[in-house]
């Protein structure tokens, strides 16, 4: 899909087709993230910092499984 750049006041914005918004499950007012990848940039609704935090949480949950199971009682 192509994105069209347009002027918004003193800034530049991109027009994202409805089909792309529906595929990403986002709508007007939601936040998208521009992530640098080895191939260029990617626009995503997922926060890359949150993924880093979730990886750390999964590691802790795996390591401390018994303690967390006891705390859940």
PDB file of N, CA and C in Angstrom:
ATOM      1  N   UNK A   1       0.831  -1.187   0.000  1.00  0.00           N
ATOM      2  CA  UNK A   1       0.000   0.000   0.000  1.00  0.00           C
ATOM      3  C   UNK A   1       0.872   1.246   0.000  1.00  0.00           C
ATOM      4  N   UNK A   2       0.356   2.248  -0.592  1.00  0.00           N
ATOM      5  CA  UNK A   2       1.064   3.525  -0.620  1.00  0.00           C
ATOM      6  C   UNK A   2       0.472   4.453   0.434  1.00  0.00           C
ATOM      7  N   UNK A   3       1.347   5.253   1.043  1.00  0.00           N
ATOM      8  CA  UNK A   3       0.912   6.296   1.972  1.00  0.00           C
ATOM      9  C   UNK A   3       1.159   7.638   1.303  1.00  0.00           C
ATOM     10  N   UNK A   4       0.186   8.520   1.422  1.00  0.00           N
ATOM     11  CA  UNK A   4       0.328   9.848   0.849  1.00  0.00           C
ATOM     12  C   UNK A   4       0.698  10.823   1.957  1.00  0.00           C
ATOM     13  N   UNK A   5       1.743  11.613   1.720  1.00  0.00           N
ATOM     14  CA  UNK A   5       2.160  12.638   2.683  1.00  0.00           C
ATOM     15  C   UNK A   5       1.421  13.928   2.371  1.00  0.00           C
ATOM     16  N   UNK A   6       0.962  14.593   3.423  1.00  0.00           N
ATOM     17  CA  UNK A   6       0.207  15.823   3.256  1.00  0.00           C
ATOM     18  C   UNK A   6       0.586  16.815   4.353  1.00  0.00           C
ATOM     19  N   UNK A   7       0.364  18.079   4.094  1.00  0.00           N
ATOM     20  CA  UNK A   7       0.659  19.114   5.086  1.00  0.00           C
ATOM     21  C   UNK A   7      -0.431  19.147   6.140  1.00  0.00           C
ATOM     22  N   UNK A   8       0.001  19.233   7.388  1.00  0.00           N
ATOM     23  CA  UNK A   8      -0.904  19.408   8.521  1.00  0.00           C
ATOM     24  C   UNK A   8      -0.316  20.545   9.345  1.00  0.00           C
ATOM     25  N   UNK A   9      -0.797  21.754   9.121  1.00  0.00           N
ATOM     26  CA  UNK A   9      -0.207  22.925   9.765  1.00  0.00           C
ATOM     27  C   UNK A   9       1.221  23.093   9.287  1.00  0.00           C
ATOM     28  N   UNK A  10       2.171  23.172  10.232  1.00  0.00           N
ATOM     29  CA  UNK A  10       3.588  23.288   9.888  1.00  0.00           C
ATOM     30  C   UNK A  10       4.272  21.938   9.814  1.00  0.00           C
ATOM     31  N   UNK A  11       3.506  20.858   9.935  1.00  0.00           N
ATOM     32  CA  UNK A  11       4.062  19.507   9.936  1.00  0.00           C
ATOM     33  C   UNK A  11       3.632  18.757   8.682  1.00  0.00           C
ATOM     34  N   UNK A  12       4.110  17.531   8.583  1.00  0.00           N
ATOM     35  CA  UNK A  12       3.731  16.646   7.487  1.00  0.00           C
ATOM     36  C   UNK A  12       3.132  15.390   8.100  1.00  0.00           C
ATOM     37  N   UNK A  13       2.012  14.934   7.566  1.00  0.00           N
ATOM     38  CA  UNK A  13       1.359  13.721   8.056  1.00  0.00           C
ATOM     39  C   UNK A  13       1.164  12.736   6.927  1.00  0.00           C
ATOM     40  N   UNK A  14       0.920  11.491   7.282  1.00  0.00           N
ATOM     41  CA  UNK A  14       0.681  10.444   6.292  1.00  0.00           C
ATOM     42  C   UNK A  14      -0.786  10.049   6.330  1.00  0.00           C
ATOM     43  N   UNK A  15      -1.364   9.835   5.169  1.00  0.00           N
ATOM     44  CA  UNK A  15      -2.736   9.357   5.060  1.00  0.00           C
ATOM     45  C   UNK A  15      -2.663   7.843   4.921  1.00  0.00           C
ATOM     46  N   UNK A  16      -3.271   7.134   5.876  1.00  0.00           N
ATOM     47  CA  UNK A  16      -3.233   5.675   5.888  1.00  0.00           C
ATOM     48  C   UNK A  16      -4.591   5.163   5.424  1.00  0.00           C
ATOM     49  N   UNK A  17      -4.613   4.284   4.417  1.00  0.00           N
ATOM     50  CA  UNK A  17      -5.881   3.764   3.904  1.00  0.00           C
ATOM     51  C   UNK A  17      -6.672   3.007   4.976  1.00  0.00           C
ATOM     52  N   UNK A  18      -8.008   3.056   4.852  1.00  0.00           N
ATOM     53  CA  UNK A  18      -8.894   2.393   5.807  1.00  0.00           C
ATOM     54  C   UNK A  18      -8.579   0.913   5.936  1.00  0.00           C
ATOM     55  N   UNK A  19      -8.218   0.270   4.839  1.00  0.00           N
ATOM     56  CA  UNK A  19      -7.915  -1.161   4.860  1.00  0.00           C
ATOM     57  C   UNK A  19      -6.718  -1.456   5.768  1.00  0.00           C
ATOM     58  N   UNK A  20      -5.713  -0.587   5.720  1.00  0.00           N
ATOM     59  CA  UNK A  20      -4.524  -0.769   6.556  1.00  0.00           C
ATOM     60  C   UNK A  20      -4.870  -0.551   8.023  1.00  0.00           C
ATOM     61  N   UNK A  21      -5.687   0.454   8.305  1.00  0.00           N
ATOM     62  CA  UNK A  21      -6.095   0.720   9.682  1.00  0.00           C
ATOM     63  C   UNK A  21      -6.889  -0.457  10.238  1.00  0.00           C
ATOM     64  N   UNK A  22      -7.780  -1.013   9.427  1.00  0.00           N
ATOM     65  CA  UNK A  22      -8.582  -2.156   9.857  1.00  0.00           C
ATOM     66  C   UNK A  22      -7.690  -3.369  10.110  1.00  0.00           C
ATOM     67  N   UNK A  23      -6.703  -3.587   9.255  1.00  0.00           N
ATOM     68  CA  UNK A  23      -5.793  -4.730   9.419  1.00  0.00           C
ATOM     69  C   UNK A  23      -4.958  -4.601  10.689  1.00  0.00           C
ATOM     70  N   UNK A  24      -4.613  -3.359  11.062  1.00  0.00           N
ATOM     71  CA  UNK A  24      -3.840  -3.126  12.283  1.00  0.00           C
ATOM     72  C   UNK A  24      -4.735  -2.988  13.507  1.00  0.00           C
ATOM     73  N   UNK A  25      -6.052  -2.978  13.282  1.00  0.00           N
ATOM     74  CA  UNK A  25      -7.034  -2.846  14.359  1.00  0.00           C
ATOM     75  C   UNK A  25      -6.844  -1.541  15.137  1.00  0.00           C
ATOM     76  N   UNK A  26      -6.664  -0.452  14.392  1.00  0.00           N
ATOM     77  CA  UNK A  26      -6.517   0.874  14.993  1.00  0.00           C
ATOM     78  C   UNK A  26      -7.522   1.822  14.358  1.00  0.00           C
ATOM     79  N   UNK A  27      -7.735   2.924  15.024  1.00  0.00           N
ATOM     80  CA  UNK A  27      -8.641   3.945  14.503  1.00  0.00           C
ATOM     81  C   UNK A  27      -8.116   5.320  14.883  1.00  0.00           C
ATOM     82  N   UNK A  28      -8.824   6.343  14.437  1.00  0.00           N
ATOM     83  CA  UNK A  28      -8.427   7.727  14.705  1.00  0.00           C
ATOM     84  C   UNK A  28      -8.219   7.930  16.207  1.00  0.00           C
ATOM     85  N   UNK A  29      -7.093   8.529  16.569  1.00  0.00           N
ATOM     86  CA  UNK A  29      -6.774   8.798  17.966  1.00  0.00           C
ATOM     87  C   UNK A  29      -5.825   7.779  18.585  1.00  0.00           C
ATOM     88  N   UNK A  30      -5.700   6.589  17.955  1.00  0.00           N
ATOM     89  CA  UNK A  30      -4.765   5.582  18.465  1.00  0.00           C
ATOM     90  C   UNK A  30      -3.331   5.985  18.138  1.00  0.00           C
ATOM     91  N   UNK A  31      -2.392   5.364  18.824  1.00  0.00           N
ATOM     92  CA  UNK A  31      -0.976   5.649  18.609  1.00  0.00           C
ATOM     93  C   UNK A  31      -0.338   4.546  17.781  1.00  0.00           C
ATOM     94  N   UNK A  32       0.443   4.947  16.783  1.00  0.00           N
ATOM     95  CA  UNK A  32       1.249   4.012  15.997  1.00  0.00           C
ATOM     96  C   UNK A  32       2.715   4.298  16.294  1.00  0.00           C
ATOM     97  N   UNK A  33       3.545   3.286  16.133  1.00  0.00           N
ATOM     98  CA  UNK A  33       4.973   3.418  16.406  1.00  0.00           C
ATOM     99  C   UNK A  33       5.756   3.207  15.118  1.00  0.00           C
ATOM    100  N   UNK A  34       6.741   4.046  14.888  1.00  0.00           N
ATOM    101  CA  UNK A  34       7.642   3.928  13.750  1.00  0.00           C
ATOM    102  C   UNK A  34       8.912   3.278  14.269  1.00  0.00           C
ATOM    103  N   UNK A  35       9.167   2.047  13.837  1.00  0.00           N
ATOM    104  CA  UNK A  35      10.277   1.252  14.359  1.00  0.00           C
ATOM    105  C   UNK A  35      11.322   1.056  13.271  1.00  0.00           C
ATOM    106  N   UNK A  36      12.575   1.346  13.605  1.00  0.00           N
ATOM    107  CA  UNK A  36      13.667   1.149  12.655  1.00  0.00           C
ATOM    108  C   UNK A  36      14.023  -0.330  12.622  1.00  0.00           C
ATOM    109  N   UNK A  37      14.109  -0.897  11.424  1.00  0.00           N
ATOM    110  CA  UNK A  37      14.484  -2.294  11.232  1.00  0.00           C
ATOM    111  C   UNK A  37      15.686  -2.343  10.297  1.00  0.00           C
ATOM    112  N   UNK A  38      16.325  -3.501  10.161  1.00  0.00           N
ATOM    113  CA  UNK A  38      17.457  -3.602   9.230  1.00  0.00           C
ATOM    114  C   UNK A  38      17.065  -3.277   7.786  1.00  0.00           C
ATOM    115  N   UNK A  39      15.785  -3.463   7.443  1.00  0.00           N
ATOM    116  CA  UNK A  39      15.319  -3.207   6.073  1.00  0.00           C
ATOM    117  C   UNK A  39      14.771  -1.802   5.866  1.00  0.00           C
ATOM    118  N   UNK A  40      14.706  -1.003   6.914  1.00  0.00           N
ATOM    119  CA  UNK A  40      14.151   0.343   6.810  1.00  0.00           C
ATOM    120  C   UNK A  40      13.331   0.667   8.038  1.00  0.00           C
ATOM    121  N   UNK A  41      12.083   1.061   7.832  1.00  0.00           N
ATOM    122  CA  UNK A  41      11.185   1.398   8.939  1.00  0.00           C
ATOM    123  C   UNK A  41       9.901   0.595   8.824  1.00  0.00           C
ATOM    124  N   UNK A  42       9.263   0.377   9.985  1.00  0.00           N
ATOM    125  CA  UNK A  42       8.002  -0.359  10.050  1.00  0.00           C
ATOM    126  C   UNK A  42       7.033   0.457  10.897  1.00  0.00           C
ATOM    127  N   UNK A  43       5.784   0.567  10.452  1.00  0.00           N
ATOM    128  CA  UNK A  43       4.739   1.227  11.222  1.00  0.00           C
ATOM    129  C   UNK A  43       3.925   0.134  11.897  1.00  0.00           C
ATOM    130  N   UNK A  44       3.790   0.213  13.219  1.00  0.00           N
ATOM    131  CA  UNK A  44       3.113  -0.829  13.969  1.00  0.00           C
ATOM    132  C   UNK A  44       2.308  -0.230  15.123  1.00  0.00           C
ATOM    133  N   UNK A  45       1.203  -0.884  15.500  1.00  0.00           N
ATOM    134  CA  UNK A  45       0.460  -0.413  16.662  1.00  0.00           C
ATOM    135  C   UNK A  45       1.038  -0.927  17.981  1.00  0.00           C
ATOM    136  N   UNK A  46       2.068  -1.763  17.892  1.00  0.00           N
ATOM    137  CA  UNK A  46       2.646  -2.379  19.089  1.00  0.00           C
ATOM    138  C   UNK A  46       3.861  -1.607  19.570  1.00  0.00           C
ATOM    139  N   UNK A  47       3.893  -1.319  20.855  1.00  0.00           N
ATOM    140  CA  UNK A  47       4.986  -0.563  21.469  1.00  0.00           C
ATOM    141  C   UNK A  47       6.198  -1.477  21.638  1.00  0.00           C
ATOM    142  N   UNK A  48       7.317  -1.192  20.976  1.00  0.00           N
ATOM    143  CA  UNK A  48       8.498  -2.054  21.097  1.00  0.00           C
ATOM    144  C   UNK A  48       9.059  -2.088  22.517  1.00  0.00           C
ATOM    145  N   UNK A  49       8.917  -1.017  23.274  1.00  0.00           N
ATOM    146  CA  UNK A  49       9.382  -0.998  24.663  1.00  0.00           C
ATOM    147  C   UNK A  49       8.568  -1.963  25.521  1.00  0.00           C
ATOM    148  N   UNK A  50       7.284  -2.072  25.235  1.00  0.00           N
ATOM    149  CA  UNK A  50       6.428  -3.005  25.971  1.00  0.00           C
ATOM    150  C   UNK A  50       6.889  -4.440  25.720  1.00  0.00           C
ATOM    151  N   UNK A  51       7.289  -4.739  24.504  1.00  0.00           N
ATOM    152  CA  UNK A  51       7.773  -6.089  24.186  1.00  0.00           C
ATOM    153  C   UNK A  51       9.033  -6.413  24.978  1.00  0.00           C
ATOM    154  N   UNK A  52       9.925  -5.443  25.136  1.00  0.00           N
ATOM    155  CA  UNK A  52      11.138  -5.648  25.938  1.00  0.00           C
ATOM    156  C   UNK A  52      10.754  -5.954  27.386  1.00  0.00           C
ATOM    157  N   UNK A  53       9.781  -5.212  27.909  1.00  0.00           N
ATOM    158  CA  UNK A  53       9.320  -5.439  29.279  1.00  0.00           C
ATOM    159  C   UNK A  53       8.669  -6.807  29.421  1.00  0.00           C
ATOM    160  N   UNK A  54       7.910  -7.227  28.412  1.00  0.00           N
ATOM    161  CA  UNK A  54       7.250  -8.531  28.468  1.00  0.00           C
ATOM    162  C   UNK A  54       8.267  -9.676  28.419  1.00  0.00           C
ATOM    163  N   UNK A  55       9.336  -9.514  27.659  1.00  0.00           N
ATOM    164  CA  UNK A  55      10.384 -10.542  27.627  1.00  0.00           C
ATOM    165  C   UNK A  55      11.004 -10.706  29.009  1.00  0.00           C
ATOM    166  N   UNK A  56      11.251  -9.580  29.671  1.00  0.00           N
ATOM    167  CA  UNK A  56      11.807  -9.631  31.027  1.00  0.00           C
ATOM    168  C   UNK A  56      10.820 -10.279  31.982  1.00  0.00           C
ATOM    169  N   UNK A  57       9.538  -9.938  31.851  1.00  0.00           N
ATOM    170  CA  UNK A  57       8.514 -10.520  32.725  1.00  0.00           C
ATOM    171  C   UNK A  57       8.405 -12.026  32.512  1.00  0.00           C
ATOM    172  N   UNK A  58       8.455 -12.474  31.253  1.00  0.00           N
ATOM    173  CA  UNK A  58       8.378 -13.910  30.969  1.00  0.00           C
ATOM    174  C   UNK A  58       9.553 -14.654  31.588  1.00  0.00           C
ATOM    175  N   UNK A  59      10.729 -14.042  31.527  1.00  0.00           N
ATOM    176  CA  UNK A  59      11.923 -14.658  32.102  1.00  0.00           C
ATOM    177  C   UNK A  59      11.770 -14.815  33.615  1.00  0.00           C
ATOM    178  N   UNK A  60      11.271 -13.767  34.265  1.00  0.00           N
ATOM    179  CA  UNK A  60      11.058 -13.811  35.716  1.00  0.00           C
ATOM    180  C   UNK A  60       9.981 -14.828  36.066  1.00  0.00           C
ATOM    181  N   UNK A  61       8.886 -14.838  35.293  1.00  0.00           N
ATOM    182  CA  UNK A  61       7.795 -15.778  35.569  1.00  0.00           C
ATOM    183  C   UNK A  61       8.254 -17.228  35.425  1.00  0.00           C
ATOM    184  N   UNK A  62       9.140 -17.479  34.466  1.00  0.00           N
ATOM    185  CA  UNK A  62       9.654 -18.832  34.281  1.00  0.00           C
ATOM    186  C   UNK A  62      10.578 -19.220  35.434  1.00  0.00           C
ATOM    187  N   UNK A  63      11.427 -18.287  35.832  1.00  0.00           N
ATOM    188  CA  UNK A  63      12.404 -18.554  36.885  1.00  0.00           C
ATOM    189  C   UNK A  63      11.735 -18.680  38.257  1.00  0.00           C
ATOM    190  N   UNK A  64      10.725 -17.885  38.523  1.00  0.00           N
ATOM    191  CA  UNK A  64      10.060 -17.835  39.830  1.00  0.00           C
ATOM    192  C   UNK A  64       8.651 -18.433  39.789  1.00  0.00           C
ATOM    193  N   UNK A  65       8.466 -19.439  38.961  1.00  0.00           N
ATOM    194  CA  UNK A  65       7.157 -20.054  38.778  1.00  0.00           C
ATOM    195  C   UNK A  65       6.529 -20.518  40.093  1.00  0.00           C
ATOM    196  N   UNK A  66       7.291 -21.199  40.926  1.00  0.00           N
ATOM    197  CA  UNK A  66       6.761 -21.726  42.189  1.00  0.00           C
ATOM    198  C   UNK A  66       6.321 -20.608  43.126  1.00  0.00           C
ATOM    199  N   UNK A  67       7.142 -19.583  43.253  1.00  0.00           N
ATOM    200  CA  UNK A  67       6.800 -18.461  44.137  1.00  0.00           C
ATOM    201  C   UNK A  67       5.534 -17.759  43.634  1.00  0.00           C
ATOM    202  N   UNK A  68       5.426 -17.556  42.342  1.00  0.00           N
ATOM    203  CA  UNK A  68       4.246 -16.896  41.799  1.00  0.00           C
ATOM    204  C   UNK A  68       2.997 -17.759  41.971  1.00  0.00           C
ATOM    205  N   UNK A  69       3.160 -19.056  41.866  1.00  0.00           N
ATOM    206  CA  UNK A  69       2.028 -19.968  42.067  1.00  0.00           C
ATOM    207  C   UNK A  69       1.529 -19.880  43.508  1.00  0.00           C
ATOM    208  N   UNK A  70       2.440 -19.802  44.453  1.00  0.00           N
ATOM    209  CA  UNK A  70       2.065 -19.652  45.867  1.00  0.00           C
ATOM    210  C   UNK A  70       1.373 -18.314  46.125  1.00  0.00           C
ATOM    211  N   UNK A  71       1.881 -17.260  45.521  1.00  0.00           N
ATOM    212  CA  UNK A  71       1.286 -15.947  45.708  1.00  0.00           C
ATOM    213  C   UNK A  71      -0.117 -15.858  45.105  1.00  0.00           C
ATOM    214  N   UNK A  72      -0.381 -16.659  44.081  1.00  0.00           N
ATOM    215  CA  UNK A  72      -1.690 -16.635  43.415  1.00  0.00           C
ATOM    216  C   UNK A  72      -2.779 -17.290  44.248  1.00  0.00           C
ATOM    217  N   UNK A  73      -2.400 -18.056  45.271  1.00  0.00           N
ATOM    218  CA  UNK A  73      -3.400 -18.744  46.106  1.00  0.00           C
ATOM    219  C   UNK A  73      -4.159 -17.791  46.975  1.00  0.00           C
TER     220      UNK A  73
END
